[in-house]
Amino acid sequence: MENIYKFVNEPEHKKMLREGDGIGTSATRASIITELKRRNFLEPKGKQIISTTLGRNLVDALPDIVKSPVLTALYERMLKGIEQGASDFDAFIAKQEQFIRDQVTKANSGSVSIAGGKESIPVSTLHKCMTCSAGLSRRSSTKKKGSYWWGCSNYPECKQTYPDFKGKPDYSKGRNS
């Protein structure tokens, strides 16, 4: 966003964002907007593109640090340093991994529900995939009402599926689709 600095209060951060350490580029804007529309976070309204209830609620559910344009600009600055040979790629990745682990731990410690979002499908601890040993999820069929099937929770790495037989996966008729 070219003018993201207008939405930042801290003078030092505002200056950093105004002087070119912004977020994204004009070249990536169209593909980002297309993806946000595809995921139902944005929708066209006349000549404008507006956020959906799902999009606003998702942003509201995120911790401030994760949605900070300043953090994104700092990452962009670090990546430029790596590109110019002034910073270490492995150190950057290690910091990213630790940051993500910390954020996932925080998210897992609380319960977040997002209005407009889909319910997550529970993963069974009892029924395991015969291919990769990950838990299976029972899903309702889109083709036949009242019918179910089981899929590996390790999708897309594992695409193993099983028909449902009385609420349990039928391992004898599993197929890797």
Protein backbone atom coordinates (compact mmCIF):
# COMPACT_ATOMS: atom_id res chain seq x y z
CA MET A 1 0.00 0.00 0.00
CA GLU A 2 1.56 3.17 -1.19
CA ASN A 3 0.02 5.44 1.44
CA ILE A 4 -0.06 3.13 4.44
CA TYR A 5 1.95 5.69 6.40
CA LYS A 6 -1.23 7.78 6.68
CA PHE A 7 -2.69 5.12 8.98
CA VAL A 8 0.30 4.97 11.36
CA ASN A 9 0.55 7.25 14.40
CA GLU A 10 4.18 6.82 15.51
CA PRO A 11 6.27 9.57 13.78
CA GLU A 12 9.36 7.35 13.33
CA HIS A 13 7.31 4.54 11.79
CA LYS A 14 5.33 6.99 9.65
CA LYS A 15 8.61 8.39 8.28
CA MET A 16 9.99 4.90 7.56
CA LEU A 17 6.83 3.93 5.65
CA ARG A 18 6.68 7.23 3.75
CA GLU A 19 10.34 6.97 2.66
CA GLY A 20 9.90 3.75 0.78
CA ASP A 21 9.82 0.90 3.26
CA GLY A 22 6.13 0.42 2.51
CA ILE A 23 4.31 -2.83 2.08
CA GLY A 24 3.88 -4.57 -1.24
CA THR A 25 4.41 -3.10 -4.67
CA SER A 26 2.19 -1.91 -7.49
CA ALA A 27 3.18 -5.06 -9.38
CA THR A 28 1.76 -7.38 -6.69
CA ARG A 29 -1.41 -5.40 -5.93
CA ALA A 30 -3.70 -7.00 -8.56
CA SER A 31 -2.82 -10.58 -7.63
CA ILE A 32 -3.27 -9.85 -3.91
CA ILE A 33 -6.70 -8.30 -4.49
CA THR A 34 -7.72 -11.23 -6.70
CA GLU A 35 -6.73 -13.71 -3.99
CA LEU A 36 -8.52 -11.74 -1.25
CA LYS A 37 -11.68 -11.74 -3.40
CA ARG A 38 -11.35 -15.47 -4.06
CA ARG A 39 -11.18 -16.12 -0.32
CA ASN A 40 -14.22 -13.91 0.28
CA PHE A 41 -12.31 -11.28 2.30
CA LEU A 42 -13.11 -8.57 -0.28
CA GLU A 43 -16.01 -7.99 -2.64
CA PRO A 44 -16.82 -5.46 -5.37
CA LYS A 45 -19.47 -2.88 -4.57
CA GLY A 46 -20.08 -0.69 -7.58
CA LYS A 47 -16.72 0.84 -8.51
CA GLN A 48 -15.25 0.12 -5.09
CA ILE A 49 -13.77 -2.95 -3.43
CA ILE A 50 -14.90 -3.36 0.17
CA SER A 51 -14.04 -5.79 2.92
CA THR A 52 -16.57 -8.47 3.76
CA THR A 53 -17.76 -9.29 7.27
CA LEU A 54 -15.46 -12.31 7.16
CA GLY A 55 -12.49 -10.14 6.13
CA ARG A 56 -13.11 -7.54 8.85
CA ASN A 57 -13.65 -10.16 11.53
CA LEU A 58 -10.50 -12.02 10.54
CA VAL A 59 -8.44 -8.85 10.81
CA ASP A 60 -10.10 -8.02 14.15
CA ALA A 61 -9.20 -11.49 15.47
CA LEU A 62 -5.51 -11.12 14.63
CA PRO A 63 -3.06 -9.75 17.20
CA ASP A 64 -1.92 -6.18 16.48
CA ILE A 65 1.68 -7.25 15.83
CA VAL A 66 0.63 -9.62 13.05
CA LYS A 67 -1.34 -6.97 11.15
CA SER A 68 1.20 -4.19 11.64
CA PRO A 69 2.39 -2.49 8.45
CA VAL A 70 5.52 -1.53 10.38
CA LEU A 71 6.40 -5.20 10.94
CA THR A 72 5.93 -5.88 7.23
CA ALA A 73 8.14 -2.89 6.36
CA LEU A 74 10.82 -4.12 8.75
CA TYR A 75 10.71 -7.53 7.07
CA GLU A 76 11.03 -5.86 3.67
CA ARG A 77 14.07 -3.95 4.96
CA MET A 78 15.63 -7.21 6.26
CA LEU A 79 15.01 -8.92 2.92
CA LYS A 80 16.71 -6.06 1.08
CA GLY A 81 19.66 -6.51 3.43
CA ILE A 82 19.81 -10.20 2.55
CA GLU A 83 19.60 -9.37 -1.15
CA GLN A 84 22.52 -6.94 -0.80
CA GLY A 85 24.56 -9.44 1.23
CA ALA A 86 24.45 -7.36 4.42
CA SER A 87 22.21 -9.78 6.35
CA ASP A 88 22.08 -13.54 6.85
CA PHE A 89 19.21 -15.46 5.28
CA ASP A 90 19.31 -18.33 7.80
CA ALA A 91 19.13 -15.89 10.73
CA PHE A 92 16.11 -14.19 9.12
CA ILE A 93 14.33 -17.53 8.62
CA ALA A 94 15.11 -18.60 12.21
CA LYS A 95 13.55 -15.35 13.49
CA GLN A 96 10.50 -15.90 11.27
CA GLU A 97 10.06 -19.46 12.52
CA GLN A 98 10.28 -18.39 16.16
CA PHE A 99 7.84 -15.51 15.61
CA ILE A 100 5.32 -17.84 13.95
CA ARG A 101 5.70 -20.45 16.69
CA ASP A 102 5.09 -17.77 19.34
CA GLN A 103 1.99 -16.49 17.55
CA VAL A 104 0.59 -20.00 17.04
CA THR A 105 1.15 -20.78 20.73
CA LYS A 106 -0.72 -17.61 21.70
CA ALA A 107 -3.54 -18.41 19.28
CA ASN A 108 -3.83 -21.97 20.58
CA SER A 109 -4.13 -20.78 24.15
CA GLY A 110 -7.38 -18.97 23.40
CA SER A 111 -10.49 -19.64 21.44
CA VAL A 112 -11.11 -17.48 18.40
CA SER A 113 -14.27 -17.59 16.35
CA ILE A 114 -14.68 -15.47 13.28
CA ALA A 115 -18.16 -14.46 12.15
CA GLY A 116 -18.67 -15.48 8.54
CA GLY A 117 -15.94 -18.11 8.71
CA LYS A 118 -16.37 -21.83 8.22
CA GLU A 119 -16.32 -24.16 11.21
CA SER A 120 -13.14 -26.17 11.33
CA ILE A 121 -13.62 -29.88 10.88
CA PRO A 122 -12.49 -31.92 13.88
CA VAL A 123 -9.60 -34.31 13.42
CA SER A 124 -10.05 -37.74 14.97
CA THR A 125 -7.48 -39.01 17.44
CA LEU A 126 -9.03 -42.48 17.20
CA HIS A 127 -9.16 -42.96 13.41
CA LYS A 128 -5.79 -42.66 11.64
CA CYS A 129 -4.78 -42.60 8.00
CA MET A 130 -3.35 -45.93 6.86
CA THR A 131 -0.96 -44.12 4.52
CA CYS A 132 0.65 -41.48 6.77
CA SER A 133 -0.81 -42.08 10.28
CA ALA A 134 -2.32 -38.57 10.55
CA GLY A 135 -5.79 -38.19 12.05
CA LEU A 136 -8.83 -38.46 9.81
CA SER A 137 -11.68 -35.98 9.48
CA ARG A 138 -15.27 -37.02 8.81
CA ARG A 139 -16.85 -34.88 6.10
CA SER A 140 -20.32 -34.67 4.64
CA SER A 141 -20.74 -35.52 0.98
CA THR A 142 -21.61 -32.71 -1.40
CA LYS A 143 -23.02 -35.25 -3.87
CA LYS A 144 -25.34 -37.26 -1.64
CA LYS A 145 -27.23 -35.66 1.23
CA GLY A 146 -26.83 -37.49 4.54
CA SER A 147 -23.75 -39.34 3.28
CA TYR A 148 -20.23 -39.01 4.72
CA TRP A 149 -16.62 -39.83 3.91
CA TRP A 150 -13.27 -39.60 5.72
CA GLY A 151 -10.23 -37.65 4.54
CA CYS A 152 -6.68 -37.41 5.81
CA SER A 153 -5.97 -34.26 7.85
CA ASN A 154 -2.54 -34.14 6.23
CA TYR A 155 -4.05 -33.00 2.93
CA PRO A 156 -2.65 -31.96 0.44
CA GLU A 157 0.52 -33.93 1.26
CA CYS A 158 -1.61 -37.05 1.72
CA LYS A 159 -4.78 -37.40 -0.33
CA GLN A 160 -6.02 -40.66 1.17
CA THR A 161 -9.80 -40.94 1.59
CA TYR A 162 -12.12 -43.60 3.03
CA PRO A 163 -15.87 -44.14 2.69
CA ASP A 164 -17.90 -43.87 5.89
CA PHE A 165 -19.38 -47.03 7.35
CA LYS A 166 -21.64 -46.47 10.37
CA GLY A 167 -19.66 -43.43 11.54
CA LYS A 168 -16.24 -45.01 11.06
CA PRO A 169 -13.81 -45.07 8.11
CA ASP A 170 -14.04 -48.20 5.98
CA TYR A 171 -10.33 -48.97 5.68
CA SER A 172 -10.97 -51.89 3.30
CA LYS A 173 -12.27 -49.49 0.64
CA GLY A 174 -9.87 -46.60 1.07
CA ARG A 175 -8.51 -44.92 -2.01
CA ASN A 176 -5.66 -42.52 -2.61
CA SER A 177 -7.34 -39.93 -4.84
